[in-house]
Amino acid sequence: MSLVVSDEKNVVRSMCAEPDTTLLPDTTLGRFFTVNALAWINQRRPAEAIGSFETVAEQQDYSEKPATALKVRCVWWMDASWLKFSPTMEIVPGSMDVGHQFAGVNTVDNPDLVVAFYKKLNAYQDYFRGVGEETPEGKIRLKPAPTTSGDTVYFSYTYKRWADIEDVANEYVDAVRNYVAACVMRHLMLKRGEVRGGRNWSGGGGERESQAQEQFMAEAERQVPQRFALSVG
C-alpha cells in the first residue's frame, strides 16, 4: 500500500488552505480520492493486453471487447484471401520465420543480408494489412469486411490497472494529490463563486479557487502526461 486515503486527506486539506468540513465534507473529499482520482489515474496509466478472435465471412462488426476493457487501441488481422502468390510477394508462408532463414549467419559480415532481412520483414507485414477500429457502441469493426471465416484477428486494449486508489504506485502519489486538490478547488469555486461579476464590476468569490484549480491540474498532468497510442495500419 503506497497511498493511505486517511493520511492524504490531511495533506490535501493543507494544500488547499485548510477548508473546514462545512465547506468540504470529509465524505466528499474521500470520494475525490476513491472515485475521481482512481478513474483519472486508470485512464492516464491503464494496463494493456492483447486479445484475439476469429472472423465470420462477411461479418464486419464483432462484440469481442472484454467487459473490463476501457478502450480498444489497435486491431490487426490477416484475410485468408491475401495468402496468394503474386509477382510482388513471391514467398513461401511456411518458411517466413526469420530465425530459421538466418540461423547461424552473421549479418554484420554480409551487409547484403541486412537488406534481405528487411525485405522479409516487409513481406511479413503484408500479411497483417487488415485493420480495425472500435465503434461508438464498443464493437470491433474490421476493415475491410472479411471474406472468409476462421481468420485470426488480434486487438490490443486497455483496462483498469488499479481497483483501489490505495494500490496506486508510489510514483503517482504526488500526481493524485494534485489532481484531488484540483477537484477540491473546483468544489470550493462552485460554492464561493456563484456570482463573480456583472456590468462594470467584478467580485473575488471563486476567482482564486479557479486559478488554484488550474495550477493543481496542470501539475498533475505534468507529472502523469497523456500517452498517445500508435494505430497499426
Protein backbone atom coordinates (compact mmCIF):
# COMPACT_ATOMS: atom_id res chain seq x y z
CA MET A 1 0.00 0.00 0.00
CA SER A 2 1.61 3.26 -1.13
CA LEU A 3 -1.22 5.73 -0.54
CA VAL A 4 -3.36 5.93 2.60
CA VAL A 5 -6.52 7.96 2.00
CA SER A 6 -6.97 8.95 5.64
CA ASP A 7 -3.47 10.49 5.66
CA GLU A 8 -3.77 12.02 2.20
CA LYS A 9 -6.96 13.85 3.15
CA ASN A 10 -4.95 15.91 5.64
CA VAL A 11 -2.24 16.58 3.06
CA VAL A 12 -4.75 17.84 0.50
CA ARG A 13 -6.61 20.00 3.02
CA SER A 14 -3.28 21.62 3.83
CA MET A 15 -2.56 22.18 0.13
CA CYS A 16 -5.95 23.86 -0.23
CA ALA A 17 -5.66 26.29 2.75
CA GLU A 18 -7.42 24.04 5.27
CA PRO A 19 -11.10 24.19 4.23
CA ASP A 20 -13.28 23.01 7.13
CA THR A 21 -15.76 20.15 6.93
CA THR A 22 -18.62 22.56 6.27
CA LEU A 23 -17.03 23.81 3.07
CA LEU A 24 -15.56 20.42 2.26
CA PRO A 25 -17.25 17.43 3.92
CA ASP A 26 -14.91 14.55 4.70
CA THR A 27 -17.05 12.14 2.67
CA THR A 28 -16.80 14.41 -0.37
CA LEU A 29 -13.03 14.61 -0.05
CA GLY A 30 -12.91 10.84 0.27
CA ARG A 31 -14.88 10.38 -2.96
CA PHE A 32 -12.44 12.64 -4.78
CA PHE A 33 -9.79 10.00 -3.97
CA THR A 34 -11.72 6.74 -4.28
CA VAL A 35 -13.81 7.65 -7.34
CA ASN A 36 -12.49 10.68 -9.23
CA ALA A 37 -8.75 10.18 -8.77
CA LEU A 38 -8.98 6.43 -9.28
CA ALA A 39 -10.75 6.90 -12.61
CA TRP A 40 -8.27 9.60 -13.66
CA ILE A 41 -5.10 7.65 -12.94
CA ASN A 42 -6.51 4.50 -14.54
CA GLN A 43 -7.25 6.49 -17.69
CA ARG A 44 -3.78 8.03 -17.65
CA ARG A 45 -1.87 4.84 -16.92
CA PRO A 46 -4.06 1.88 -17.80
CA ALA A 47 -2.80 -1.67 -18.15
CA GLU A 48 -2.74 -3.18 -21.63
CA ALA A 49 -3.44 -6.62 -23.00
CA ILE A 50 -3.90 -8.40 -26.32
CA GLY A 51 -6.92 -10.47 -27.27
CA SER A 52 -7.96 -12.36 -30.38
CA PHE A 53 -10.96 -13.84 -32.12
CA GLU A 54 -11.81 -15.41 -35.47
CA THR A 55 -13.65 -13.85 -38.35
CA VAL A 56 -17.02 -14.82 -39.74
CA ALA A 57 -17.36 -14.39 -43.50
CA GLU A 58 -18.97 -11.07 -44.46
CA GLN A 59 -19.36 -10.01 -40.80
CA GLN A 60 -17.72 -6.65 -40.16
CA ASP A 61 -18.63 -5.86 -36.50
CA TYR A 62 -17.75 -8.07 -33.51
CA SER A 63 -18.72 -7.89 -29.83
CA GLU A 64 -15.36 -9.18 -28.62
CA LYS A 65 -14.27 -6.26 -26.45
CA PRO A 66 -13.86 -7.60 -22.89
CA ALA A 67 -16.22 -6.24 -20.25
CA THR A 68 -13.24 -4.94 -18.28
CA ALA A 69 -11.70 -3.11 -21.26
CA LEU A 70 -11.54 0.67 -21.29
CA LYS A 71 -10.59 1.19 -24.92
CA VAL A 72 -9.50 -0.83 -27.94
CA ARG A 73 -6.22 0.71 -29.09
CA CYS A 74 -5.44 -1.09 -32.32
CA VAL A 75 -6.59 -4.02 -34.43
CA TRP A 76 -4.65 -6.10 -36.95
CA TRP A 77 -5.57 -9.22 -38.83
CA MET A 78 -4.89 -11.33 -41.90
CA ASP A 79 -7.51 -12.05 -44.51
CA ALA A 80 -7.07 -15.55 -45.96
CA SER A 81 -7.62 -14.11 -49.45
CA TRP A 82 -4.19 -12.44 -49.21
CA LEU A 83 -2.43 -15.82 -48.99
CA LYS A 84 -1.82 -15.84 -52.73
CA PHE A 85 1.37 -15.76 -54.71
CA SER A 86 1.94 -12.78 -56.96
CA PRO A 87 4.84 -11.00 -58.68
CA THR A 88 5.01 -8.57 -55.73
CA MET A 89 5.00 -11.19 -52.99
CA GLU A 90 6.73 -14.38 -54.06
CA ILE A 91 7.28 -16.04 -50.69
CA VAL A 92 6.60 -19.39 -49.10
CA PRO A 93 4.36 -18.87 -45.99
CA GLY A 94 5.86 -21.87 -44.17
CA SER A 95 9.40 -20.50 -44.35
CA MET A 96 8.80 -16.95 -43.17
CA ASP A 97 10.39 -17.42 -39.75
CA VAL A 98 13.35 -15.01 -39.72
CA GLY A 99 15.27 -17.04 -37.15
CA HIS A 100 15.03 -20.08 -39.43
CA GLN A 101 16.10 -18.24 -42.57
CA PHE A 102 19.10 -16.55 -40.98
CA ALA A 103 20.15 -19.22 -38.48
CA GLY A 104 23.91 -19.30 -37.97
CA VAL A 105 24.54 -16.28 -40.20
CA ASN A 106 26.22 -13.07 -39.01
CA THR A 107 24.57 -10.20 -40.92
CA VAL A 108 27.42 -7.85 -39.98
CA ASP A 109 29.80 -9.97 -42.04
CA ASN A 110 27.49 -9.72 -45.05
CA PRO A 111 25.63 -6.36 -45.33
CA ASP A 112 23.55 -7.69 -48.22
CA LEU A 113 21.79 -9.95 -45.76
CA VAL A 114 20.59 -6.89 -43.85
CA VAL A 115 18.75 -5.74 -46.94
CA ALA A 116 17.26 -9.19 -47.38
CA PHE A 117 16.26 -9.21 -43.70
CA TYR A 118 14.20 -6.03 -44.01
CA LYS A 119 12.65 -7.21 -47.25
CA LYS A 120 11.40 -10.29 -45.43
CA LEU A 121 10.05 -8.16 -42.57
CA ASN A 122 8.16 -6.08 -45.10
CA ALA A 123 6.76 -9.21 -46.70
CA TYR A 124 5.65 -10.45 -43.27
CA GLN A 125 3.86 -7.16 -42.62
CA ASP A 126 1.94 -7.64 -45.85
CA TYR A 127 0.14 -10.48 -44.10
CA PHE A 128 -1.29 -8.13 -41.47
CA ARG A 129 -2.65 -5.24 -43.51
CA GLY A 130 -6.15 -5.68 -42.21
CA VAL A 131 -7.04 -3.02 -39.66
CA GLY A 132 -9.98 -2.18 -37.47
CA GLU A 133 -11.42 0.27 -35.00
CA GLU A 134 -13.73 0.47 -32.02
CA THR A 135 -17.22 1.75 -32.82
CA PRO A 136 -19.16 4.14 -30.55
CA GLU A 137 -21.16 1.08 -29.48
CA GLY A 138 -17.99 -0.66 -28.24
CA LYS A 139 -17.76 -3.19 -31.05
CA ILE A 140 -14.68 -4.01 -33.11
CA ARG A 141 -15.18 -3.14 -36.77
CA LEU A 142 -12.86 -4.77 -39.30
CA LYS A 143 -11.68 -3.01 -42.44
CA PRO A 144 -12.29 -4.37 -44.99
CA ALA A 145 -15.09 -6.79 -44.13
CA PRO A 146 -13.62 -10.32 -44.04
CA THR A 147 -14.39 -12.55 -46.98
CA THR A 148 -13.71 -15.81 -45.16
CA SER A 149 -14.34 -17.39 -41.76
CA GLY A 150 -11.61 -18.51 -39.37
CA ASP A 151 -9.06 -15.73 -39.91
CA THR A 152 -7.43 -14.65 -36.64
CA VAL A 153 -7.94 -11.05 -35.55
CA TYR A 154 -5.68 -9.58 -32.87
CA PHE A 155 -6.50 -6.46 -30.88
CA SER A 156 -4.86 -4.58 -28.03
CA TYR A 157 -6.94 -2.92 -25.34
CA THR A 158 -6.54 -1.06 -22.09
CA TYR A 159 -8.11 -1.90 -18.76
CA LYS A 160 -8.01 -0.54 -15.21
CA ARG A 161 -4.62 -1.13 -13.66
CA TRP A 162 -5.77 -0.44 -10.09
CA ALA A 163 -9.01 -1.43 -8.36
CA ASP A 164 -8.32 0.70 -5.29
CA ILE A 165 -6.71 4.14 -5.08
CA GLU A 166 -4.55 2.93 -2.18
CA ASP A 167 -2.87 0.44 -4.53
CA VAL A 168 -1.51 3.16 -6.84
CA ALA A 169 2.25 3.04 -7.34
CA ASN A 170 4.45 5.41 -5.32
CA GLU A 171 5.49 7.34 -8.43
CA TYR A 172 1.91 8.55 -8.93
CA VAL A 173 1.03 9.56 -5.36
CA ASP A 174 2.01 13.22 -5.77
CA ALA A 175 0.09 13.45 -9.04
CA VAL A 176 -3.00 12.03 -7.29
CA ARG A 177 -2.63 14.65 -4.55
CA ASN A 178 -2.54 17.44 -7.11
CA TYR A 179 -5.48 16.00 -9.01
CA VAL A 180 -7.58 15.75 -5.83
CA ALA A 181 -6.53 19.27 -4.85
CA ALA A 182 -7.83 20.45 -8.23
CA CYS A 183 -11.13 18.66 -7.50
CA VAL A 184 -11.28 20.37 -4.11
CA MET A 185 -10.67 23.81 -5.61
CA ARG A 186 -13.37 23.26 -8.20
CA HIS A 187 -15.74 22.25 -5.39
CA LEU A 188 -14.89 25.40 -3.42
CA MET A 189 -15.08 27.57 -6.52
CA LEU A 190 -18.63 26.43 -7.20
CA LYS A 191 -19.59 27.10 -3.59
CA ARG A 192 -17.98 30.52 -3.34
CA GLY A 193 -18.24 31.78 -6.90
CA GLU A 194 -21.91 31.58 -7.93
CA VAL A 195 -21.71 35.30 -8.84
CA ARG A 196 -18.30 36.53 -9.93
CA GLY A 197 -19.05 39.63 -11.96
CA GLY A 198 -21.51 41.87 -13.73
CA ARG A 199 -21.64 45.05 -15.77
CA ASN A 200 -18.84 47.40 -14.71
CA TRP A 201 -17.93 45.32 -11.65
CA SER A 202 -16.34 42.07 -10.60
CA GLY A 203 -16.12 40.09 -7.39
CA GLY A 204 -13.43 37.87 -5.99
CA GLY A 205 -15.62 34.94 -4.94
CA GLY A 206 -14.29 31.80 -6.61
CA GLU A 207 -11.59 33.55 -8.65
CA ARG A 208 -8.63 32.40 -6.57
CA GLU A 209 -10.06 28.90 -6.35
CA SER A 210 -10.39 28.78 -10.14
CA GLN A 211 -6.76 29.80 -10.58
CA ALA A 212 -5.59 27.28 -7.99
CA GLN A 213 -7.63 24.54 -9.69
CA GLU A 214 -5.87 25.19 -12.99
CA GLN A 215 -2.45 25.16 -11.31
CA PHE A 216 -3.07 21.92 -9.45
CA MET A 217 -4.46 20.24 -12.56
CA ALA A 218 -1.57 21.41 -14.71
CA GLU A 219 0.88 19.96 -12.19
CA ALA A 220 -0.98 16.63 -12.04
CA GLU A 221 -0.97 16.37 -15.84
CA ARG A 222 2.70 17.35 -15.99
CA GLN A 223 3.59 14.52 -13.61
CA VAL A 224 1.47 11.99 -15.49
CA PRO A 225 1.35 13.19 -19.12
CA GLN A 226 -1.14 11.70 -21.52
CA ARG A 227 0.21 8.88 -23.66
CA PHE A 228 -0.92 8.53 -27.25
CA ALA A 229 -1.11 5.13 -28.87
CA LEU A 230 0.02 4.39 -32.41
CA SER A 231 -2.51 2.54 -34.51
CA VAL A 232 -1.44 -0.39 -36.64
CA GLY A 233 -2.12 0.23 -40.31
